[in-house]
N, C-alpha and C. Protein backbone atom coordinates (compact mmCIF):
# COMPACT_ATOMS: atom_id res chain seq x y z
N MET A 1 -46.67 -2.73 45.88
CA MET A 1 -45.79 -1.60 45.67
C MET A 1 -44.49 -1.80 46.46
N HIS A 2 -44.63 -2.26 47.70
CA HIS A 2 -43.47 -2.46 48.54
C HIS A 2 -42.57 -3.55 47.95
N GLU A 3 -43.13 -4.59 47.39
CA GLU A 3 -42.36 -5.68 46.79
C GLU A 3 -41.64 -5.19 45.53
N GLU A 4 -42.28 -4.34 44.75
CA GLU A 4 -41.64 -3.78 43.56
C GLU A 4 -40.44 -2.92 43.94
N LEU A 5 -40.61 -2.13 44.98
CA LEU A 5 -39.52 -1.29 45.46
C LEU A 5 -38.36 -2.15 45.94
N ARG A 6 -38.67 -3.23 46.65
CA ARG A 6 -37.64 -4.14 47.13
C ARG A 6 -36.92 -4.80 45.95
N ALA A 7 -37.66 -5.18 44.90
CA ALA A 7 -37.07 -5.80 43.72
C ALA A 7 -36.14 -4.81 43.01
N TRP A 8 -36.59 -3.56 42.89
CA TRP A 8 -35.75 -2.54 42.26
C TRP A 8 -34.49 -2.28 43.08
N THR A 9 -34.63 -2.25 44.38
CA THR A 9 -33.48 -2.04 45.26
C THR A 9 -32.47 -3.17 45.10
N LEU A 10 -32.96 -4.40 45.04
CA LEU A 10 -32.08 -5.55 44.86
C LEU A 10 -31.38 -5.49 43.49
N GLU A 11 -32.13 -5.11 42.47
CA GLU A 11 -31.55 -5.01 41.14
C GLU A 11 -30.47 -3.92 41.08
N ILE A 12 -30.74 -2.79 41.70
CA ILE A 12 -29.76 -1.70 41.73
C ILE A 12 -28.51 -2.14 42.48
N HIS A 13 -28.70 -2.84 43.59
CA HIS A 13 -27.57 -3.34 44.37
C HIS A 13 -26.74 -4.32 43.54
N THR A 14 -27.40 -5.20 42.81
CA THR A 14 -26.72 -6.17 41.96
C THR A 14 -25.93 -5.45 40.87
N LEU A 15 -26.55 -4.48 40.24
CA LEU A 15 -25.87 -3.72 39.18
C LEU A 15 -24.65 -2.97 39.72
N ARG A 16 -24.78 -2.40 40.92
CA ARG A 16 -23.64 -1.71 41.52
C ARG A 16 -22.48 -2.67 41.74
N ASN A 17 -22.77 -3.85 42.22
CA ASN A 17 -21.71 -4.84 42.44
C ASN A 17 -21.06 -5.26 41.12
N GLU A 18 -21.88 -5.43 40.09
CA GLU A 18 -21.34 -5.81 38.79
C GLU A 18 -20.44 -4.71 38.23
N VAL A 19 -20.87 -3.47 38.35
CA VAL A 19 -20.07 -2.34 37.86
C VAL A 19 -18.77 -2.23 38.66
N LYS A 20 -18.85 -2.43 39.96
CA LYS A 20 -17.65 -2.39 40.80
C LYS A 20 -16.67 -3.47 40.36
N GLY A 21 -17.15 -4.67 40.12
CA GLY A 21 -16.29 -5.76 39.66
C GLY A 21 -15.69 -5.47 38.29
N LEU A 22 -16.50 -4.87 37.42
CA LEU A 22 -16.01 -4.52 36.09
C LEU A 22 -14.92 -3.45 36.18
N ASN A 23 -15.12 -2.47 37.03
CA ASN A 23 -14.10 -1.42 37.21
C ASN A 23 -12.80 -2.00 37.74
N GLU A 24 -12.90 -2.95 38.66
CA GLU A 24 -11.69 -3.58 39.20
C GLU A 24 -10.95 -4.36 38.11
N ARG A 25 -11.70 -5.07 37.26
CA ARG A 25 -11.06 -5.81 36.17
C ARG A 25 -10.42 -4.87 35.16
N LEU A 26 -11.08 -3.77 34.85
CA LEU A 26 -10.52 -2.79 33.91
C LEU A 26 -9.26 -2.16 34.48
N ASP A 27 -9.25 -1.87 35.77
CA ASP A 27 -8.05 -1.32 36.40
C ASP A 27 -6.90 -2.30 36.33
N ALA A 28 -7.20 -3.59 36.43
CA ALA A 28 -6.15 -4.61 36.35
C ALA A 28 -5.62 -4.75 34.93
N ILE A 29 -6.46 -4.54 33.93
CA ILE A 29 -6.06 -4.70 32.52
C ILE A 29 -5.32 -3.47 32.01
N GLU A 30 -5.63 -2.31 32.52
CA GLU A 30 -5.13 -1.04 31.98
C GLU A 30 -3.61 -0.97 31.85
N PRO A 31 -2.81 -1.38 32.84
CA PRO A 31 -1.36 -1.28 32.66
C PRO A 31 -0.85 -2.10 31.47
N GLY A 32 -1.42 -3.27 31.25
CA GLY A 32 -1.01 -4.09 30.11
C GLY A 32 -1.34 -3.44 28.79
N VAL A 33 -2.48 -2.79 28.72
CA VAL A 33 -2.89 -2.11 27.49
C VAL A 33 -1.96 -0.93 27.22
N THR A 34 -1.62 -0.20 28.27
CA THR A 34 -0.74 0.95 28.12
C THR A 34 0.63 0.52 27.62
N ILE A 35 1.16 -0.55 28.16
CA ILE A 35 2.46 -1.06 27.72
C ILE A 35 2.38 -1.51 26.27
N GLY A 36 1.28 -2.17 25.88
CA GLY A 36 1.11 -2.62 24.50
C GLY A 36 1.10 -1.45 23.53
N VAL A 37 0.43 -0.37 23.89
CA VAL A 37 0.38 0.81 23.02
C VAL A 37 1.77 1.43 22.91
N GLN A 38 2.50 1.50 24.02
CA GLN A 38 3.84 2.06 23.98
C GLN A 38 4.76 1.22 23.09
N GLN A 39 4.61 -0.09 23.12
CA GLN A 39 5.41 -0.96 22.28
C GLN A 39 5.06 -0.75 20.81
N GLN A 40 3.78 -0.55 20.51
CA GLN A 40 3.38 -0.30 19.12
C GLN A 40 3.97 1.00 18.61
N VAL A 41 3.97 2.02 19.45
CA VAL A 41 4.54 3.31 19.05
C VAL A 41 6.04 3.17 18.81
N ALA A 42 6.72 2.45 19.68
CA ALA A 42 8.15 2.23 19.50
C ALA A 42 8.41 1.46 18.20
N GLY A 43 7.60 0.47 17.92
CA GLY A 43 7.75 -0.31 16.69
C GLY A 43 7.51 0.54 15.46
N ALA A 44 6.52 1.41 15.53
CA ALA A 44 6.24 2.30 14.39
C ALA A 44 7.40 3.26 14.17
N GLY A 45 8.02 3.72 15.25
CA GLY A 45 9.17 4.61 15.12
C GLY A 45 10.34 3.91 14.45
N LYS A 46 10.57 2.66 14.82
CA LYS A 46 11.66 1.90 14.20
C LYS A 46 11.36 1.64 12.73
N LEU A 47 10.10 1.35 12.42
CA LEU A 47 9.71 1.13 11.02
C LEU A 47 9.92 2.39 10.20
N GLY A 48 9.56 3.54 10.75
CA GLY A 48 9.75 4.81 10.05
C GLY A 48 11.21 5.11 9.81
N LYS A 49 12.04 4.87 10.82
CA LYS A 49 13.48 5.11 10.65
C LYS A 49 14.04 4.18 9.59
N GLY A 50 13.59 2.94 9.60
CA GLY A 50 14.05 1.98 8.59
C GLY A 50 13.64 2.41 7.19
N ALA A 51 12.43 2.94 7.05
CA ALA A 51 11.96 3.40 5.73
C ALA A 51 12.80 4.58 5.24
N VAL A 52 13.16 5.48 6.14
CA VAL A 52 13.97 6.63 5.76
C VAL A 52 15.36 6.16 5.32
N VAL A 53 15.93 5.23 6.07
CA VAL A 53 17.26 4.71 5.71
C VAL A 53 17.20 4.00 4.36
N ASP A 54 16.20 3.16 4.17
CA ASP A 54 16.05 2.45 2.89
C ASP A 54 15.86 3.42 1.74
N GLY A 55 15.07 4.46 1.96
CA GLY A 55 14.86 5.47 0.93
C GLY A 55 16.16 6.19 0.58
N GLY A 56 16.95 6.47 1.59
CA GLY A 56 18.24 7.11 1.35
C GLY A 56 19.17 6.22 0.54
N ILE A 57 19.15 4.93 0.83
CA ILE A 57 19.98 3.98 0.08
C ILE A 57 19.54 3.93 -1.38
N VAL A 58 18.23 3.89 -1.62
CA VAL A 58 17.71 3.85 -2.99
C VAL A 58 18.10 5.12 -3.74
N LEU A 59 17.96 6.27 -3.10
CA LEU A 59 18.34 7.53 -3.77
C LEU A 59 19.84 7.57 -4.06
N THR A 60 20.66 7.08 -3.13
CA THR A 60 22.10 7.06 -3.35
C THR A 60 22.46 6.17 -4.53
N LEU A 61 21.86 4.98 -4.59
CA LEU A 61 22.13 4.07 -5.69
C LEU A 61 21.68 4.66 -7.03
N ALA A 62 20.50 5.30 -7.02
CA ALA A 62 19.99 5.88 -8.26
C ALA A 62 20.90 7.01 -8.74
N SER A 63 21.29 7.90 -7.83
CA SER A 63 22.15 9.01 -8.24
C SER A 63 23.53 8.52 -8.67
N SER A 64 24.03 7.47 -8.02
CA SER A 64 25.31 6.88 -8.43
C SER A 64 25.19 6.27 -9.82
N GLY A 65 24.10 5.61 -10.08
CA GLY A 65 23.88 5.03 -11.41
C GLY A 65 23.83 6.09 -12.49
N VAL A 66 23.15 7.20 -12.19
CA VAL A 66 23.09 8.30 -13.16
C VAL A 66 24.48 8.87 -13.40
N ALA A 67 25.26 9.04 -12.33
CA ALA A 67 26.61 9.59 -12.47
C ALA A 67 27.49 8.66 -13.30
N VAL A 68 27.39 7.36 -13.07
CA VAL A 68 28.19 6.40 -13.85
C VAL A 68 27.76 6.43 -15.31
N TRP A 69 26.46 6.44 -15.55
CA TRP A 69 25.95 6.49 -16.92
C TRP A 69 26.47 7.74 -17.64
N TYR A 70 26.39 8.88 -16.96
CA TYR A 70 26.82 10.14 -17.57
C TYR A 70 28.33 10.13 -17.85
N SER A 71 29.10 9.57 -16.93
CA SER A 71 30.56 9.54 -17.14
C SER A 71 30.94 8.58 -18.26
N MET A 72 30.15 7.52 -18.46
CA MET A 72 30.46 6.55 -19.53
C MET A 72 30.02 7.04 -20.90
N THR A 73 28.87 7.67 -20.97
CA THR A 73 28.31 8.05 -22.28
C THR A 73 28.45 9.53 -22.59
N GLY A 74 28.61 10.35 -21.60
CA GLY A 74 28.71 11.80 -21.82
C GLY A 74 27.37 12.46 -22.02
N ARG A 75 26.28 11.73 -21.86
CA ARG A 75 24.95 12.33 -21.99
C ARG A 75 24.05 11.79 -20.86
N PRO A 76 22.98 12.49 -20.59
CA PRO A 76 22.11 12.05 -19.51
C PRO A 76 21.43 10.71 -19.83
N PRO A 77 21.04 10.00 -18.80
CA PRO A 77 20.38 8.71 -19.04
C PRO A 77 19.02 8.90 -19.69
N PRO A 78 18.54 7.84 -20.35
CA PRO A 78 17.25 7.93 -21.06
C PRO A 78 16.09 8.11 -20.11
């Protein structure tokens, strides 16, 4: 019984050390992960702005085309 208790104590001590080491490694990695997420959010914002600008250009071209068609033919486009 005493040997089993000693084995359990050693195992618990080993697990505590492993968890402590894991926590230290996670703390070291966390700033890099946070920066990566911030960069992804910034990139998504730029992509969204680009999509809005591109959409505006497409709408401008389409409406200009309709206006030119109407002025040339006097009737709406097909």
